[in-house]
Amino acid sequence: MSTPPSQPAAQPSRYGRAAGPVRPSPGDRIKPKKPAKVQFASTTLLLEAFLVVFATLVAYGLRNVPYSRGPLELPNAASIWLVGGVLAVVLLVLSRTVGTPGGYVAGSVVQVPVLAFGLVVPMMFVVGGLFVVLWVVSLRLGGRIDRERAAYDAQHPETAPNAD
């Protein structure tokens, strides 16, 4: 089997496919990309859920140590786990719903309790504040990437999976 002289022969890789980038052929169905804003916001909320779980562990561990807690003292271990667990579950649920109507608003509203957890564990003011900044950056940067993708897809309709 020979190849036409205008096209160099593709060398098979060790995985059995031709080496080099695979270009879509006209008529191929290209899988649409998930919006970057949804990916960034979902990841941020998921990481915040882990943050809250670890902050809950800290609050539980420091519950009997004087001078190491914040100004708000939860009365017992059950209330510490209830507050931390509910907040973590809310963040997990919201991480899956940010692409729906109101998802970004709910994600923005839940940043307040994450920061308020600093009343129990003071370091959460710093770490929670960093996550609030990360939330704002993920919304802005994700929106910008989505706009740039849409502009690129408009200029290259033959390879635009997201343009219909």
Protein backbone atom coordinates (compact mmCIF):
# COMPACT_ATOMS: atom_id res chain seq x y z
CA MET A 1 0.00 0.00 0.00
CA SER A 2 1.49 3.32 -0.99
CA THR A 3 0.53 6.87 -0.17
CA PRO A 4 0.17 9.66 -2.68
CA PRO A 5 3.37 11.71 -3.04
CA SER A 6 1.63 14.89 -1.81
CA GLN A 7 1.02 13.38 1.64
CA PRO A 8 3.82 12.02 3.79
CA ALA A 9 3.21 8.57 5.19
CA ALA A 10 2.04 8.65 8.79
CA GLN A 11 4.33 6.65 11.03
CA PRO A 12 2.48 4.43 13.47
CA SER A 13 3.16 5.08 17.11
CA ARG A 14 3.68 2.37 19.67
CA TYR A 15 -0.05 2.57 20.44
CA GLY A 16 -1.06 1.54 16.92
CA ARG A 17 -2.24 4.96 15.72
CA ALA A 18 -0.58 7.38 13.38
CA ALA A 19 1.69 9.84 15.14
CA GLY A 20 0.88 13.53 15.02
CA PRO A 21 -2.21 15.60 15.63
CA VAL A 22 -5.48 14.20 14.43
CA ARG A 23 -7.38 16.79 12.41
CA PRO A 24 -11.13 16.50 12.04
CA SER A 25 -12.40 15.64 8.61
CA PRO A 26 -15.30 17.54 7.09
CA GLY A 27 -18.51 16.03 8.38
CA ASP A 28 -16.95 14.60 11.56
CA ARG A 29 -18.89 15.24 14.74
CA ILE A 30 -16.73 17.11 17.21
CA LYS A 31 -17.65 16.76 20.87
CA PRO A 32 -18.66 20.15 22.34
CA LYS A 33 -16.51 21.52 25.11
CA LYS A 34 -17.96 22.12 28.55
CA PRO A 35 -18.03 25.85 29.32
CA ALA A 36 -14.92 27.01 31.18
CA LYS A 37 -16.96 29.13 33.58
CA VAL A 38 -18.91 26.07 34.72
CA GLN A 39 -15.73 24.02 35.11
CA PHE A 40 -13.90 26.68 37.11
CA ALA A 41 -16.85 27.52 39.35
CA SER A 42 -17.67 23.86 39.99
CA THR A 43 -14.06 23.06 40.87
CA THR A 44 -13.83 26.03 43.21
CA LEU A 45 -16.98 25.01 45.09
CA LEU A 46 -15.81 21.40 45.30
CA LEU A 47 -12.47 22.48 46.75
CA GLU A 48 -14.31 24.74 49.19
CA ALA A 49 -16.31 21.73 50.38
CA PHE A 50 -13.05 19.95 51.22
CA LEU A 51 -11.81 23.12 52.91
CA VAL A 52 -14.91 23.23 55.11
CA VAL A 53 -14.51 19.56 56.05
CA PHE A 54 -10.92 20.18 57.14
CA ALA A 55 -11.91 23.36 59.00
CA THR A 56 -14.60 21.34 60.77
CA LEU A 57 -11.94 18.83 61.83
CA VAL A 58 -9.86 21.72 63.19
CA ALA A 59 -12.84 23.15 65.07
CA TYR A 60 -13.58 19.73 66.53
CA GLY A 61 -9.95 19.20 67.56
CA LEU A 62 -9.69 22.63 69.19
CA ARG A 63 -13.07 22.57 70.94
CA ASN A 64 -11.53 22.15 74.43
CA VAL A 65 -8.38 24.23 73.94
CA PRO A 66 -8.66 27.73 75.41
CA TYR A 67 -7.41 30.75 73.43
CA SER A 68 -7.28 28.85 70.14
CA ARG A 69 -10.87 29.30 69.02
CA GLY A 70 -12.60 32.18 67.39
CA PRO A 71 -15.14 34.48 69.03
CA LEU A 72 -18.02 32.08 68.26
CA GLU A 73 -18.02 28.92 70.34
CA LEU A 74 -20.25 26.08 69.27
CA PRO A 75 -21.64 24.34 72.37
CA ASN A 76 -20.69 20.74 71.62
CA ALA A 77 -19.12 18.39 69.09
CA ALA A 78 -22.47 17.56 67.47
CA SER A 79 -23.13 21.22 66.64
CA ILE A 80 -19.62 21.60 65.17
CA TRP A 81 -20.20 18.61 62.89
CA LEU A 82 -23.73 19.71 62.03
CA VAL A 83 -22.65 23.20 60.93
CA GLY A 84 -19.58 21.98 59.06
CA GLY A 85 -21.36 19.01 57.50
CA VAL A 86 -24.33 21.02 56.27
CA LEU A 87 -22.06 23.67 54.75
CA ALA A 88 -19.91 21.01 53.05
CA VAL A 89 -22.97 19.24 51.61
CA VAL A 90 -24.40 22.54 50.37
CA LEU A 91 -21.10 23.30 48.63
CA LEU A 92 -21.05 19.81 47.06
CA VAL A 93 -24.60 20.17 45.75
CA LEU A 94 -23.91 23.65 44.42
CA SER A 95 -20.76 22.45 42.67
CA ARG A 96 -23.00 20.30 40.46
CA THR A 97 -25.61 22.99 39.83
CA VAL A 98 -23.54 26.04 38.88
CA GLY A 99 -24.50 25.72 35.23
CA THR A 100 -28.21 26.02 36.00
CA PRO A 101 -30.15 29.28 36.36
CA GLY A 102 -29.32 30.82 39.71
CA GLY A 103 -26.35 28.53 40.27
CA TYR A 104 -23.79 31.31 40.16
CA VAL A 105 -25.89 33.47 42.49
CA ALA A 106 -26.24 30.60 44.98
CA GLY A 107 -22.50 29.95 44.73
CA SER A 108 -21.84 33.60 45.46
CA VAL A 109 -24.24 33.61 48.42
CA VAL A 110 -22.61 30.53 49.97
CA GLN A 111 -19.29 32.39 50.11
CA VAL A 112 -20.65 34.33 53.11
CA PRO A 113 -21.00 31.26 55.41
CA VAL A 114 -17.58 30.04 54.30
CA LEU A 115 -16.10 33.33 55.47
CA ALA A 116 -18.30 33.32 58.57
CA PHE A 117 -16.75 29.98 59.54
CA GLY A 118 -13.81 32.18 60.53
CA LEU A 119 -15.78 33.04 63.66
CA VAL A 120 -15.23 29.43 64.75
CA VAL A 121 -11.76 28.87 63.26
CA PRO A 122 -10.03 32.27 62.82
CA MET A 123 -7.69 31.04 60.06
CA MET A 124 -10.78 30.54 57.90
CA PHE A 125 -10.94 34.31 57.46
CA VAL A 126 -7.66 34.07 55.54
CA VAL A 127 -8.19 30.78 53.71
CA GLY A 128 -11.89 31.43 53.10
CA GLY A 129 -10.99 34.89 51.81
CA LEU A 130 -8.56 33.32 49.35
CA PHE A 131 -11.35 31.05 48.14
CA VAL A 132 -13.71 34.00 47.74
CA VAL A 133 -11.06 35.67 45.56
CA LEU A 134 -10.66 32.39 43.67
CA TRP A 135 -14.45 32.27 43.17
CA VAL A 136 -14.50 35.76 41.66
CA VAL A 137 -11.52 34.96 39.44
CA SER A 138 -13.11 31.71 38.26
CA LEU A 139 -16.29 33.55 37.24
CA ARG A 140 -14.45 36.32 35.43
CA LEU A 141 -11.77 34.19 33.78
CA GLY A 142 -14.22 31.42 32.86
CA GLY A 143 -16.55 33.94 31.23
CA ARG A 144 -13.65 35.45 29.32
CA ILE A 145 -12.47 32.05 28.06
CA ASP A 146 -16.02 31.18 26.96
CA ARG A 147 -16.31 34.48 25.05
CA GLU A 148 -12.96 33.86 23.34
CA ARG A 149 -14.00 30.31 22.43
CA ALA A 150 -17.23 31.62 20.94
CA ALA A 151 -15.32 34.21 18.90
CA TYR A 152 -12.91 31.55 17.65
CA ASP A 153 -15.76 29.19 16.79
CA ALA A 154 -17.49 31.97 14.84
CA GLN A 155 -14.32 32.50 12.80
CA HIS A 156 -13.74 28.76 12.24
CA PRO A 157 -17.18 27.17 11.75
CA GLU A 158 -15.79 24.01 10.11
CA THR A 159 -14.13 22.93 13.35
CA ALA A 160 -16.46 24.62 15.83
CA PRO A 161 -18.16 22.05 18.06
CA ASN A 162 -20.04 24.65 20.08
CA ALA A 163 -21.46 26.61 17.15
CA ASP A 164 -24.85 25.45 15.92
